[in-house]
């Protein structure tokens, strides 16, 4: 069966955009390992949220799951590029794709209070697509990448601090036991226009003389 069949969604809408499918819970270790081949399930409960997932790893997971499900991949991931002494992934989001992706921070906030969506606070921190600051420079650490936003806090924090307003940021290549992800599906842009049809070659009729 499909590895995503156990992953449930609730409908979330933002003003002026189509409805999107927002994961009711965080991606579990069993699903993450089944898709990526990571051997975490042998030593960890497959029914707990997947953690130690970098932002880079999260977008790759989204694409891998889309491929397994026959969906159009949301991210174009090019080879890593040098950024001021560090290396950062060159990731482009195809907003017309119907595949799995990370929520934007605005979508994540919109899901707060949506019936059926749970564990937005106090489970594990969740990656969102956004950088912490537009144009944020890469860290002066090899392979660190850009800072990306994490939301919701984790059970490692004091309960009073792990709320839906909790916000932090981490380099895209960093992995942490308290950071995981949640999936979203939904087209937020228009598909590029189809290429024009090939021009037919004119075949003239021989004229009689």
Protein backbone atom coordinates (compact mmCIF):
# COMPACT_ATOMS: atom_id res chain seq x y z
CA UNK A 1 0.00 0.00 0.00
CA UNK A 2 0.87 3.64 -0.19
CA UNK A 3 3.27 4.83 2.53
CA UNK A 4 1.22 8.01 2.89
CA UNK A 5 -2.10 6.29 3.57
CA UNK A 6 -1.66 6.63 7.34
CA UNK A 7 -1.05 10.36 7.05
CA UNK A 8 -4.25 12.37 7.48
CA UNK A 9 -5.05 15.91 6.39
CA UNK A 10 -7.37 18.74 7.34
CA UNK A 11 -8.47 21.50 4.97
CA UNK A 12 -6.91 24.91 5.59
CA UNK A 13 -7.60 28.06 3.59
CA UNK A 14 -5.84 31.39 3.33
CA UNK A 15 -7.62 34.44 1.96
CA UNK A 16 -7.29 34.63 -1.79
CA UNK A 17 -5.74 31.18 -2.20
CA UNK A 18 -7.16 27.71 -2.93
CA UNK A 19 -7.78 25.34 -0.02
CA UNK A 20 -4.85 23.13 0.91
CA UNK A 21 -4.42 19.81 2.67
CA UNK A 22 -2.58 20.39 5.97
CA UNK A 23 -1.22 17.39 7.88
CA UNK A 24 -3.20 16.75 11.05
CA UNK A 25 -0.03 15.53 12.78
CA UNK A 26 3.71 15.45 12.37
CA UNK A 27 5.47 13.02 10.04
CA UNK A 28 6.23 9.86 11.99
CA UNK A 29 9.50 7.96 12.05
CA UNK A 30 7.96 4.94 10.32
CA UNK A 31 6.82 6.94 7.31
CA UNK A 32 10.03 8.93 7.07
CA UNK A 33 12.18 5.80 7.22
CA UNK A 34 10.02 3.89 4.74
CA UNK A 35 10.40 6.67 2.18
CA UNK A 36 14.04 7.63 2.71
CA UNK A 37 15.53 4.31 3.77
CA UNK A 38 16.91 5.80 6.96
CA UNK A 39 17.35 3.02 9.49
CA UNK A 40 15.83 4.87 12.44
CA UNK A 41 12.90 2.46 12.77
CA UNK A 42 15.22 -0.33 13.91
CA UNK A 43 16.12 1.53 17.08
CA UNK A 44 13.27 4.03 17.51
CA UNK A 45 9.50 3.77 17.78
CA UNK A 46 8.05 4.15 14.26
CA UNK A 47 4.98 5.81 15.78
CA UNK A 48 6.80 8.82 17.22
CA UNK A 49 7.54 12.00 15.22
CA UNK A 50 10.56 11.80 12.95
CA UNK A 51 13.33 14.04 14.27
CA UNK A 52 16.96 14.81 13.47
CA UNK A 53 15.68 15.92 10.08
CA UNK A 54 17.37 18.96 8.57
CA UNK A 55 15.48 21.44 6.39
CA UNK A 56 17.48 20.12 3.45
CA UNK A 57 16.43 16.58 4.37
CA UNK A 58 12.81 17.65 4.80
CA UNK A 59 12.44 19.05 1.28
CA UNK A 60 14.19 15.97 -0.14
CA UNK A 61 11.74 13.76 1.78
CA UNK A 62 8.81 15.72 0.36
CA UNK A 63 10.07 15.11 -3.17
CA UNK A 64 10.75 11.42 -2.53
CA UNK A 65 7.24 10.88 -1.19
CA UNK A 66 5.73 12.78 -4.12
CA UNK A 67 7.64 10.53 -6.50
CA UNK A 68 6.35 7.41 -4.74
CA UNK A 69 2.79 8.74 -4.91
CA UNK A 70 2.99 9.70 -8.57
CA UNK A 71 2.68 13.41 -7.82
CA UNK A 72 4.52 16.34 -9.31
CA UNK A 73 7.46 17.21 -7.08
CA UNK A 74 7.14 20.59 -5.36
CA UNK A 75 10.85 21.34 -5.17
CA UNK A 76 13.53 21.66 -7.78
CA UNK A 77 16.73 20.88 -5.87
CA UNK A 78 19.84 21.78 -7.81
CA UNK A 79 23.39 20.93 -6.88
CA UNK A 80 24.66 22.68 -3.79
CA UNK A 81 26.16 26.07 -4.51
CA UNK A 82 28.91 28.02 -2.74
CA UNK A 83 27.57 30.84 -0.57
CA UNK A 84 30.21 33.05 0.99
CA UNK A 85 32.45 30.22 2.14
CA UNK A 86 29.54 27.92 3.07
CA UNK A 87 27.47 25.60 0.95
CA UNK A 88 23.72 25.99 0.66
CA UNK A 89 21.16 24.04 -1.37
CA UNK A 90 19.59 25.82 -4.31
CA UNK A 91 15.93 24.96 -3.80
CA UNK A 92 13.16 26.36 -5.98
CA UNK A 93 9.49 25.81 -5.06
CA UNK A 94 7.19 25.01 -7.98
CA UNK A 95 3.97 26.57 -6.74
CA UNK A 96 1.95 24.87 -9.47
CA UNK A 97 2.96 21.36 -8.30
CA UNK A 98 0.51 19.09 -6.49
CA UNK A 99 3.17 17.18 -4.55
CA UNK A 100 4.08 17.20 -0.86
CA UNK A 101 5.87 20.19 0.62
CA UNK A 102 6.55 22.11 3.81
CA UNK A 103 3.96 24.68 4.88
CA UNK A 104 4.80 28.34 4.68
CA UNK A 105 4.84 30.15 7.99
CA UNK A 106 1.58 31.90 7.06
CA UNK A 107 -0.06 28.54 6.31
CA UNK A 108 1.25 27.09 9.57
CA UNK A 109 -0.24 29.99 11.55
CA UNK A 110 -3.51 29.72 9.66
CA UNK A 111 -3.79 26.05 10.69
CA UNK A 112 -3.83 26.99 14.38
CA UNK A 113 -7.34 26.29 15.59
CA UNK A 114 -8.34 24.33 12.50
CA UNK A 115 -10.47 21.32 13.54
CA UNK A 116 -8.50 18.09 13.30
CA UNK A 117 -5.03 19.70 13.31
CA UNK A 118 -3.16 18.76 16.47
CA UNK A 119 0.31 18.83 18.05
CA UNK A 120 1.16 22.24 16.61
CA UNK A 121 2.73 23.09 19.95
CA UNK A 122 4.82 21.04 22.34
CA UNK A 123 5.44 17.96 20.22
CA UNK A 124 8.52 18.72 18.15
CA UNK A 125 9.60 21.93 16.48
CA UNK A 126 8.39 21.92 12.87
CA UNK A 127 10.25 23.25 9.85
CA UNK A 128 8.42 25.69 7.60
CA UNK A 129 9.52 26.77 4.14
CA UNK A 130 10.42 30.37 5.04
CA UNK A 131 13.87 31.70 5.75
CA UNK A 132 14.20 33.50 9.04
CA UNK A 133 15.05 36.76 7.29
CA UNK A 134 14.65 37.49 3.60
CA UNK A 135 18.08 37.39 2.02
CA UNK A 136 19.68 35.94 5.17
CA UNK A 137 23.33 35.20 4.49
CA UNK A 138 24.65 31.70 4.95
CA UNK A 139 26.40 30.85 8.20
CA UNK A 140 30.21 30.98 8.15
CA UNK A 141 30.26 27.24 8.80
CA UNK A 142 30.80 24.66 6.03
CA UNK A 143 27.54 23.06 4.82
CA UNK A 144 25.45 25.11 7.27
CA UNK A 145 23.17 26.65 4.68
CA UNK A 146 20.57 29.33 5.33
CA UNK A 147 18.56 29.89 8.49
CA UNK A 148 15.00 28.56 8.16
CA UNK A 149 12.12 29.05 10.56
CA UNK A 150 10.91 26.40 13.01
CA UNK A 151 7.59 26.75 14.81
CA UNK A 152 5.65 25.38 17.77
CA UNK A 153 8.30 24.52 20.35
CA UNK A 154 8.88 21.00 21.64
CA UNK A 155 8.37 18.75 24.63
CA UNK A 156 12.01 19.47 25.54
CA UNK A 157 10.93 22.98 26.55
CA UNK A 158 9.03 24.25 29.54
CA UNK A 159 5.32 23.77 28.88
CA UNK A 160 4.70 27.49 29.28
CA UNK A 161 7.14 28.20 26.43
CA UNK A 162 6.01 25.48 24.01
CA UNK A 163 3.06 27.32 22.49
CA UNK A 164 1.79 28.04 19.00
CA UNK A 165 3.54 31.41 19.18
CA UNK A 166 6.95 29.76 19.74
CA UNK A 167 9.30 30.63 16.89
CA UNK A 168 12.94 29.89 16.22
CA UNK A 169 15.36 29.32 13.38
CA UNK A 170 18.12 26.91 12.50
CA UNK A 171 20.57 26.44 9.63
CA UNK A 172 19.11 24.35 6.83
CA UNK A 173 21.70 21.58 7.19
CA UNK A 174 21.37 21.18 10.98
CA UNK A 175 19.60 18.20 12.56
CA UNK A 176 18.18 18.19 16.07
CA UNK A 177 16.37 15.64 18.25
CA UNK A 178 13.62 18.20 18.86
CA UNK A 179 12.96 19.20 15.22
CA UNK A 180 10.71 17.41 12.73
CA UNK A 181 8.21 18.29 10.03
CA UNK A 182 4.59 18.28 8.89
CA UNK A 183 3.35 17.84 5.33
CA UNK A 184 1.16 20.05 3.19
CA UNK A 185 -0.34 19.52 -0.24
CA UNK A 186 -1.89 22.24 -2.32
CA UNK A 187 -1.30 24.37 -5.37
CA UNK A 188 -0.70 28.02 -4.53
CA UNK A 189 0.17 29.34 -7.96
CA UNK A 190 -0.79 28.88 -11.56
CA UNK A 191 0.85 26.32 -13.76
CA UNK A 192 3.13 27.66 -16.48
CA UNK A 193 1.41 27.90 -19.85
CA UNK A 194 1.79 24.82 -22.03
CA UNK A 195 4.30 25.11 -24.85
CA UNK A 196 2.82 26.15 -28.18
CA UNK A 197 1.99 23.27 -30.52
CA UNK A 198 4.64 22.52 -33.12
CA UNK A 199 4.11 24.36 -36.35
CA UNK A 200 2.97 22.17 -39.17
CA UNK A 201 5.19 22.10 -42.17
CA UNK A 202 3.43 23.33 -45.21
CA UNK A 203 3.40 20.80 -47.96
CA UNK A 204 2.71 22.58 -51.18
CA UNK A 205 0.80 20.94 -53.99
CA UNK A 206 2.78 20.65 -57.20
CA UNK A 207 1.33 23.03 -59.72
CA UNK A 208 0.64 21.98 -63.28
CA UNK A 209 2.33 23.89 -65.97
